[in-house]
Amino acid sequence: MTADPTGLRLYDYAASANCYKVRLLLAQLRQPYERVPIDIFAGDTLTDDFQAKNPARSTPVLQIGESTYLTESNAILFFLAEGTPFLPDDPLLHAEVVRWLIFEQTDVMMTMGGLRFRLITGRIGPDDPDAIRRRAGGEEALELLDRHLRDQAFLAGERYTIADIAVYGYAHVAPEAGFELAHYPAVSAWLRAVEEQPLFMNDLAPYPENARPGTGRSIYD
């Protein structure tokens, strides 16, 4: 990292894969930090105090030192991985990592992650137009990933990086949104390879009852 890591504090939501992937990297870095649970659907992100930390009212938020707050999960991954084996020094591989971080947010989270959230919490049904659209986008993303991973073990070269951590976050729970990963053997092999990495852990929690519409208060209602 390029800054003093002393006093890292992570504001996160246990059921968010965006938050989970940051916790995974911190675990694999053996980086000490203070974890501050945020209950999105109990209105925790709607307070003035949280807005001062992140005007977008989203999680995760990484506090660095006394008063610096870094938002957006992949920006946090990038910051934490700087100067470590999880982010290559080679300029081309560096750019490849950025490519996959962008792909994760636009093509993985918005399709597989978004569909999973809406189905599990009862916001839409599997035959709703939004579900059909997100499912089609997720299938396209999985096919692209599968083609890419047929010829290499990891996303950015032959080394495990934050690109793999980022995409794994929502890809590994794609079956909960109805995606058949058996149709994508290279993706399935890659998921196993990620899970075999040293210090891998998975503490992603299920969505609680208050995540359902009308039972809580959040930016999603």
C-alpha atoms as a PDB file:
ATOM      1  CA  MET A   1       0.000   0.000   0.000  1.00  0.00           C
ATOM      2  CA  THR A   2       1.111   3.536  -0.625  1.00  0.00           C
ATOM      3  CA  ALA A   3      -0.251   4.894   2.660  1.00  0.00           C
ATOM      4  CA  ASP A   4       0.254   4.011   6.289  1.00  0.00           C
ATOM      5  CA  PRO A   5      -2.158   1.109   6.922  1.00  0.00           C
ATOM      6  CA  THR A   6      -2.343   1.836  10.651  1.00  0.00           C
ATOM      7  CA  GLY A   7      -5.891   2.219  11.876  1.00  0.00           C
ATOM      8  CA  LEU A   8      -7.780   0.551   9.026  1.00  0.00           C
ATOM      9  CA  ARG A   9     -11.493   0.352   9.726  1.00  0.00           C
ATOM     10  CA  LEU A  10     -13.953  -1.376   7.407  1.00  0.00           C
ATOM     11  CA  TYR A  11     -17.611  -0.391   7.420  1.00  0.00           C
ATOM     12  CA  ASP A  12     -19.351  -3.314   5.785  1.00  0.00           C
ATOM     13  CA  TYR A  13     -22.521  -5.332   5.340  1.00  0.00           C
ATOM     14  CA  ALA A  14     -22.090  -9.056   5.930  1.00  0.00           C
ATOM     15  CA  ALA A  15     -24.452 -10.137   3.129  1.00  0.00           C
ATOM     16  CA  SER A  16     -22.815  -8.001   0.430  1.00  0.00           C
ATOM     17  CA  ALA A  17     -20.353  -9.707  -1.895  1.00  0.00           C
ATOM     18  CA  ASN A  18     -18.828  -6.281  -2.552  1.00  0.00           C
ATOM     19  CA  CYS A  19     -17.939  -6.194   1.132  1.00  0.00           C
ATOM     20  CA  TYR A  20     -16.967  -9.863   1.261  1.00  0.00           C
ATOM     21  CA  LYS A  21     -14.317  -9.498  -1.420  1.00  0.00           C
ATOM     22  CA  VAL A  22     -12.607  -6.766   0.621  1.00  0.00           C
ATOM     23  CA  ARG A  23     -12.679  -8.993   3.712  1.00  0.00           C
ATOM     24  CA  LEU A  24     -11.202 -11.824   1.644  1.00  0.00           C
ATOM     25  CA  LEU A  25      -8.267  -9.703   0.484  1.00  0.00           C
ATOM     26  CA  LEU A  26      -7.642  -8.397   3.994  1.00  0.00           C
ATOM     27  CA  ALA A  27      -7.568 -11.988   5.260  1.00  0.00           C
ATOM     28  CA  GLN A  28      -5.152 -13.090   2.539  1.00  0.00           C
ATOM     29  CA  LEU A  29      -2.934 -10.094   3.249  1.00  0.00           C
ATOM     30  CA  ARG A  30      -3.008 -10.921   6.984  1.00  0.00           C
ATOM     31  CA  GLN A  31      -3.895  -7.258   7.414  1.00  0.00           C
ATOM     32  CA  PRO A  32      -5.330  -6.296  10.813  1.00  0.00           C
ATOM     33  CA  TYR A  33      -8.368  -4.021  10.723  1.00  0.00           C
ATOM     34  CA  GLU A  34     -11.407  -3.072  12.723  1.00  0.00           C
ATOM     35  CA  ARG A  35     -14.669  -4.288  11.275  1.00  0.00           C
ATOM     36  CA  VAL A  36     -17.729  -2.086  11.787  1.00  0.00           C
ATOM     37  CA  PRO A  37     -20.958  -3.917  10.876  1.00  0.00           C
ATOM     38  CA  ILE A  38     -23.451  -1.811   8.944  1.00  0.00           C
ATOM     39  CA  ASP A  39     -27.060  -2.972   8.678  1.00  0.00           C
ATOM     40  CA  ILE A  40     -28.137  -1.475   5.378  1.00  0.00           C
ATOM     41  CA  PHE A  41     -31.789  -2.361   5.833  1.00  0.00           C
ATOM     42  CA  ALA A  42     -31.992  -1.034   9.390  1.00  0.00           C
ATOM     43  CA  GLY A  43     -31.248   2.440   8.045  1.00  0.00           C
ATOM     44  CA  ASP A  44     -27.573   2.547   9.096  1.00  0.00           C
ATOM     45  CA  THR A  45     -26.490   4.149   5.811  1.00  0.00           C
ATOM     46  CA  LEU A  46     -29.249   6.787   5.995  1.00  0.00           C
ATOM     47  CA  THR A  47     -27.716   8.651   8.930  1.00  0.00           C
ATOM     48  CA  ASP A  48     -25.894  11.959   8.594  1.00  0.00           C
ATOM     49  CA  ASP A  49     -22.821  10.342  10.135  1.00  0.00           C
ATOM     50  CA  PHE A  50     -22.631   7.686   7.431  1.00  0.00           C
ATOM     51  CA  GLN A  51     -23.348  10.180   4.673  1.00  0.00           C
ATOM     52  CA  ALA A  52     -20.326  12.173   5.851  1.00  0.00           C
ATOM     53  CA  LYS A  53     -18.214   9.053   5.280  1.00  0.00           C
ATOM     54  CA  ASN A  54     -19.802   8.141   1.948  1.00  0.00           C
ATOM     55  CA  PRO A  55     -22.319  10.461   0.265  1.00  0.00           C
ATOM     56  CA  ALA A  56     -23.433   7.539  -1.930  1.00  0.00           C
ATOM     57  CA  ARG A  57     -24.578   5.741   1.261  1.00  0.00           C
ATOM     58  CA  SER A  58     -23.176   2.410   0.061  1.00  0.00           C
ATOM     59  CA  THR A  59     -20.860  -0.185   1.549  1.00  0.00           C
ATOM     60  CA  PRO A  60     -18.029  -0.996   1.872  1.00  0.00           C
ATOM     61  CA  VAL A  61     -16.188   2.050   3.170  1.00  0.00           C
ATOM     62  CA  LEU A  62     -12.548   1.790   4.241  1.00  0.00           C
ATOM     63  CA  GLN A  63     -11.405   4.323   6.816  1.00  0.00           C
ATOM     64  CA  ILE A  64      -7.663   4.974   6.667  1.00  0.00           C
ATOM     65  CA  GLY A  65      -6.291   6.709   9.709  1.00  0.00           C
ATOM     66  CA  GLU A  66      -8.389   9.337  11.420  1.00  0.00           C
ATOM     67  CA  SER A  67     -10.358  10.979   8.640  1.00  0.00           C
ATOM     68  CA  THR A  68      -9.703   9.456   5.198  1.00  0.00           C
ATOM     69  CA  TYR A  69     -12.530   7.389   3.698  1.00  0.00           C
ATOM     70  CA  LEU A  70     -12.201   5.277   0.569  1.00  0.00           C
ATOM     71  CA  THR A  71     -15.368   4.008  -1.101  1.00  0.00           C
ATOM     72  CA  GLU A  72     -16.199   1.552  -3.918  1.00  0.00           C
ATOM     73  CA  SER A  73     -15.144  -2.038  -3.367  1.00  0.00           C
ATOM     74  CA  ASN A  74     -12.766  -2.351  -6.306  1.00  0.00           C
ATOM     75  CA  ALA A  75     -11.040   0.931  -5.498  1.00  0.00           C
ATOM     76  CA  ILE A  76     -10.484  -0.450  -1.996  1.00  0.00           C
ATOM     77  CA  LEU A  77      -9.079  -3.692  -3.429  1.00  0.00           C
ATOM     78  CA  PHE A  78      -6.729  -1.683  -5.649  1.00  0.00           C
ATOM     79  CA  PHE A  79      -5.512   0.429  -2.737  1.00  0.00           C
ATOM     80  CA  LEU A  80      -4.940  -2.535  -0.432  1.00  0.00           C
ATOM     81  CA  ALA A  81      -3.181  -4.593  -3.114  1.00  0.00           C
ATOM     82  CA  GLU A  82      -0.710  -1.895  -4.168  1.00  0.00           C
ATOM     83  CA  GLY A  83       2.837  -3.164  -3.607  1.00  0.00           C
ATOM     84  CA  THR A  84       1.692  -6.738  -2.914  1.00  0.00           C
ATOM     85  CA  PRO A  85       1.634  -9.902  -5.083  1.00  0.00           C
ATOM     86  CA  PHE A  86      -2.101  -9.373  -5.597  1.00  0.00           C
ATOM     87  CA  LEU A  87      -1.444  -6.511  -8.045  1.00  0.00           C
ATOM     88  CA  PRO A  88       1.220  -7.089 -10.747  1.00  0.00           C
ATOM     89  CA  ASP A  89       3.882  -4.454 -11.395  1.00  0.00           C
ATOM     90  CA  ASP A  90       3.997  -5.161 -15.123  1.00  0.00           C
ATOM     91  CA  PRO A  91       2.100  -2.314 -16.855  1.00  0.00           C
ATOM     92  CA  LEU A  92       0.148  -4.589 -19.190  1.00  0.00           C
ATOM     93  CA  LEU A  93      -0.891  -6.994 -16.434  1.00  0.00           C
ATOM     94  CA  HIS A  94      -1.671  -3.984 -14.245  1.00  0.00           C
ATOM     95  CA  ALA A  95      -4.042  -2.772 -16.955  1.00  0.00           C
ATOM     96  CA  GLU A  96      -5.522  -6.274 -17.293  1.00  0.00           C
ATOM     97  CA  VAL A  97      -6.420  -6.208 -13.617  1.00  0.00           C
ATOM     98  CA  VAL A  98      -8.172  -2.856 -14.106  1.00  0.00           C
ATOM     99  CA  ARG A  99     -10.027  -4.314 -17.088  1.00  0.00           C
ATOM    100  CA  TRP A 100     -11.470  -7.105 -14.965  1.00  0.00           C
ATOM    101  CA  LEU A 101     -12.333  -4.792 -12.086  1.00  0.00           C
ATOM    102  CA  ILE A 102     -14.430  -2.753 -14.522  1.00  0.00           C
ATOM    103  CA  PHE A 103     -15.961  -5.893 -16.019  1.00  0.00           C
ATOM    104  CA  GLU A 104     -16.905  -7.137 -12.561  1.00  0.00           C
ATOM    105  CA  GLN A 105     -18.922  -4.051 -11.712  1.00  0.00           C
ATOM    106  CA  THR A 106     -20.619  -3.654 -15.093  1.00  0.00           C
ATOM    107  CA  ASP A 107     -21.094  -7.254 -16.279  1.00  0.00           C
ATOM    108  CA  VAL A 108     -21.010  -9.453 -13.169  1.00  0.00           C
ATOM    109  CA  MET A 109     -22.397  -7.464 -10.255  1.00  0.00           C
ATOM    110  CA  MET A 110     -25.150  -5.789 -12.277  1.00  0.00           C
ATOM    111  CA  THR A 111     -26.339  -9.092 -13.759  1.00  0.00           C
ATOM    112  CA  MET A 112     -25.630 -12.054 -11.467  1.00  0.00           C
ATOM    113  CA  GLY A 113     -25.371 -10.006  -8.287  1.00  0.00           C
ATOM    114  CA  GLY A 114     -28.318  -7.771  -9.051  1.00  0.00           C
ATOM    115  CA  LEU A 115     -30.549 -10.663 -10.067  1.00  0.00           C
ATOM    116  CA  ARG A 116     -29.599 -12.708  -6.991  1.00  0.00           C
ATOM    117  CA  PHE A 117     -30.416  -9.819  -4.651  1.00  0.00           C
ATOM    118  CA  ARG A 118     -33.777  -9.114  -6.259  1.00  0.00           C
ATOM    119  CA  LEU A 119     -34.858 -12.754  -6.402  1.00  0.00           C
ATOM    120  CA  ILE A 120     -33.774 -13.706  -2.883  1.00  0.00           C
ATOM    121  CA  THR A 121     -35.360 -10.640  -1.300  1.00  0.00           C
ATOM    122  CA  GLY A 122     -38.584 -10.967  -3.279  1.00  0.00           C
ATOM    123  CA  ARG A 123     -38.257  -7.761  -5.267  1.00  0.00           C
ATOM    124  CA  ILE A 124     -38.907  -9.489  -8.595  1.00  0.00           C
ATOM    125  CA  GLY A 125     -39.915 -12.937  -9.842  1.00  0.00           C
ATOM    126  CA  PRO A 126     -37.880 -15.143 -12.200  1.00  0.00           C
ATOM    127  CA  ASP A 127     -40.120 -14.302 -15.162  1.00  0.00           C
ATOM    128  CA  ASP A 128     -40.149 -10.533 -14.694  1.00  0.00           C
ATOM    129  CA  PRO A 129     -38.661  -8.554 -17.617  1.00  0.00           C
ATOM    130  CA  ASP A 130     -35.870  -7.247 -15.368  1.00  0.00           C
ATOM    131  CA  ALA A 131     -34.985 -10.804 -14.341  1.00  0.00           C
ATOM    132  CA  ILE A 132     -34.932 -11.965 -17.961  1.00  0.00           C
ATOM    133  CA  ARG A 133     -32.700  -9.045 -18.936  1.00  0.00           C
ATOM    134  CA  ARG A 134     -30.256  -9.605 -16.081  1.00  0.00           C
ATOM    135  CA  ARG A 135     -30.175 -13.367 -16.702  1.00  0.00           C
ATOM    136  CA  ALA A 136     -29.293 -12.837 -20.352  1.00  0.00           C
ATOM    137  CA  GLY A 137     -26.535 -10.413 -19.396  1.00  0.00           C
ATOM    138  CA  GLY A 138     -25.190 -12.828 -16.783  1.00  0.00           C
ATOM    139  CA  GLU A 139     -25.096 -15.683 -19.273  1.00  0.00           C
ATOM    140  CA  GLU A 140     -23.146 -13.518 -21.701  1.00  0.00           C
ATOM    141  CA  ALA A 141     -20.682 -12.618 -18.947  1.00  0.00           C
ATOM    142  CA  LEU A 142     -20.228 -16.247 -17.905  1.00  0.00           C
ATOM    143  CA  GLU A 143     -19.651 -17.308 -21.511  1.00  0.00           C
ATOM    144  CA  LEU A 144     -17.005 -14.596 -21.913  1.00  0.00           C
ATOM    145  CA  LEU A 145     -15.329 -15.678 -18.677  1.00  0.00           C
ATOM    146  CA  ASP A 146     -15.427 -19.322 -19.709  1.00  0.00           C
ATOM    147  CA  ARG A 147     -13.767 -18.629 -23.055  1.00  0.00           C
ATOM    148  CA  HIS A 148     -11.082 -16.525 -21.380  1.00  0.00           C
ATOM    149  CA  LEU A 149     -10.340 -19.106 -18.689  1.00  0.00           C
ATOM    150  CA  ARG A 150     -10.015 -22.041 -21.076  1.00  0.00           C
ATOM    151  CA  ASP A 151      -6.461 -20.970 -21.848  1.00  0.00           C
ATOM    152  CA  GLN A 152      -5.273 -19.618 -18.503  1.00  0.00           C
ATOM    153  CA  ALA A 153      -5.675 -20.383 -14.830  1.00  0.00           C
ATOM    154  CA  PHE A 154      -6.514 -16.881 -13.617  1.00  0.00           C
ATOM    155  CA  LEU A 155      -8.002 -13.735 -15.082  1.00  0.00           C
ATOM    156  CA  ALA A 156      -4.920 -11.496 -15.366  1.00  0.00           C
ATOM    157  CA  GLY A 157      -2.111 -13.746 -16.504  1.00  0.00           C
ATOM    158  CA  GLU A 158      -1.152 -16.917 -14.666  1.00  0.00           C
ATOM    159  CA  ARG A 159      -1.267 -15.391 -11.209  1.00  0.00           C
ATOM    160  CA  TYR A 160      -4.022 -14.960  -8.639  1.00  0.00           C
ATOM    161  CA  THR A 161      -4.789 -11.235  -8.263  1.00  0.00           C
ATOM    162  CA  ILE A 162      -7.479  -8.892  -7.074  1.00  0.00           C
ATOM    163  CA  ALA A 163      -9.091  -9.402 -10.477  1.00  0.00           C
ATOM    164  CA  ASP A 164      -9.949 -12.939  -9.379  1.00  0.00           C
ATOM    165  CA  ILE A 165     -11.094 -11.793  -5.942  1.00  0.00           C
ATOM    166  CA  ALA A 166     -13.377  -9.153  -7.452  1.00  0.00           C
ATOM    167  CA  VAL A 167     -15.062 -11.415  -9.987  1.00  0.00           C
ATOM    168  CA  TYR A 168     -15.299 -14.346  -7.567  1.00  0.00           C
ATOM    169  CA  GLY A 169     -17.419 -12.288  -5.169  1.00  0.00           C
ATOM    170  CA  TYR A 170     -20.641 -12.493  -7.154  1.00  0.00           C
ATOM    171  CA  ALA A 171     -19.726 -15.245  -9.652  1.00  0.00           C
ATOM    172  CA  HIS A 172     -19.495 -17.929  -6.973  1.00  0.00           C
ATOM    173  CA  VAL A 173     -23.076 -17.288  -5.834  1.00  0.00           C
ATOM    174  CA  ALA A 174     -24.489 -17.102  -9.368  1.00  0.00           C
ATOM    175  CA  PRO A 175     -26.350 -20.418  -8.854  1.00  0.00           C
ATOM    176  CA  GLU A 176     -28.476 -18.646  -6.230  1.00  0.00           C
ATOM    177  CA  ALA A 177     -29.774 -16.520  -9.108  1.00  0.00           C
ATOM    178  CA  GLY A 178     -30.521 -19.569 -11.264  1.00  0.00           C
ATOM    179  CA  PHE A 179     -27.325 -19.713 -13.316  1.00  0.00           C
ATOM    180  CA  GLU A 180     -26.072 -23.233 -14.131  1.00  0.00           C
ATOM    181  CA  LEU A 181     -22.308 -23.115 -13.616  1.00  0.00           C
ATOM    182  CA  ALA A 182     -22.024 -26.687 -14.898  1.00  0.00           C
ATOM    183  CA  HIS A 183     -22.502 -25.142 -18.348  1.00  0.00           C
ATOM    184  CA  TYR A 184     -19.242 -23.228 -17.848  1.00  0.00           C
ATOM    185  CA  PRO A 185     -16.538 -25.785 -16.961  1.00  0.00           C
ATOM    186  CA  ALA A 186     -13.626 -23.357 -17.163  1.00  0.00           C
ATOM    187  CA  VAL A 187     -15.403 -20.974 -14.803  1.00  0.00           C
ATOM    188  CA  SER A 188     -16.124 -23.851 -12.419  1.00  0.00           C
ATOM    189  CA  ALA A 189     -12.447 -24.891 -12.441  1.00  0.00           C
ATOM    190  CA  TRP A 190     -11.392 -21.304 -11.812  1.00  0.00           C
ATOM    191  CA  LEU A 191     -13.763 -20.979  -8.858  1.00  0.00           C
ATOM    192  CA  ARG A 192     -12.143 -24.071  -7.321  1.00  0.00           C
ATOM    193  CA  ALA A 193      -8.687 -22.607  -7.952  1.00  0.00           C
ATOM    194  CA  VAL A 194      -9.648 -19.404  -6.134  1.00  0.00           C
ATOM    195  CA  GLU A 195     -10.942 -21.433  -3.197  1.00  0.00           C
ATOM    196  CA  GLU A 196      -7.647 -23.327  -3.019  1.00  0.00           C
ATOM    197  CA  GLN A 197      -5.577 -20.172  -2.519  1.00  0.00           C
ATOM    198  CA  PRO A 198      -3.731 -19.718   0.796  1.00  0.00           C
ATOM    199  CA  LEU A 199      -5.815 -18.098   3.540  1.00  0.00           C
ATOM    200  CA  PHE A 200      -8.990 -18.260   1.458  1.00  0.00           C
ATOM    201  CA  MET A 201     -12.108 -17.818   3.541  1.00  0.00           C
ATOM    202  CA  ASN A 202     -15.784 -17.269   2.826  1.00  0.00           C
ATOM    203  CA  ASP A 203     -17.909 -15.525   5.446  1.00  0.00           C
ATOM    204  CA  LEU A 204     -20.569 -14.159   3.088  1.00  0.00           C
ATOM    205  CA  ALA A 205     -23.811 -14.096   5.065  1.00  0.00           C
ATOM    206  CA  PRO A 206     -27.321 -14.720   3.692  1.00  0.00           C
ATOM    207  CA  TYR A 207     -29.648 -11.777   3.268  1.00  0.00           C
ATOM    208  CA  PRO A 208     -31.603 -11.283   6.512  1.00  0.00           C
ATOM    209  CA  GLU A 209     -35.359 -10.948   6.691  1.00  0.00           C
ATOM    210  CA  ASN A 210     -35.203  -7.155   6.906  1.00  0.00           C
ATOM    211  CA  ALA A 211     -33.764  -7.049   3.365  1.00  0.00           C
ATOM    212  CA  ARG A 212     -37.204  -7.866   1.980  1.00  0.00           C
ATOM    213  CA  PRO A 213     -39.269  -4.929   0.652  1.00  0.00           C
ATOM    214  CA  GLY A 214     -41.325  -3.125   3.245  1.00  0.00           C
ATOM    215  CA  THR A 215     -39.525  -4.590   6.253  1.00  0.00           C
ATOM    216  CA  GLY A 216     -36.647  -2.164   6.586  1.00  0.00           C
ATOM    217  CA  ARG A 217     -35.331   1.272   5.618  1.00  0.00           C
ATOM    218  CA  SER A 218     -32.564   1.648   3.034  1.00  0.00           C
ATOM    219  CA  ILE A 219     -31.561   3.354  -0.191  1.00  0.00           C
ATOM    220  CA  TYR A 220     -33.028   0.321  -1.989  1.00  0.00           C
ATOM    221  CA  ASP A 221     -36.600   0.952  -0.784  1.00  0.00           C
END
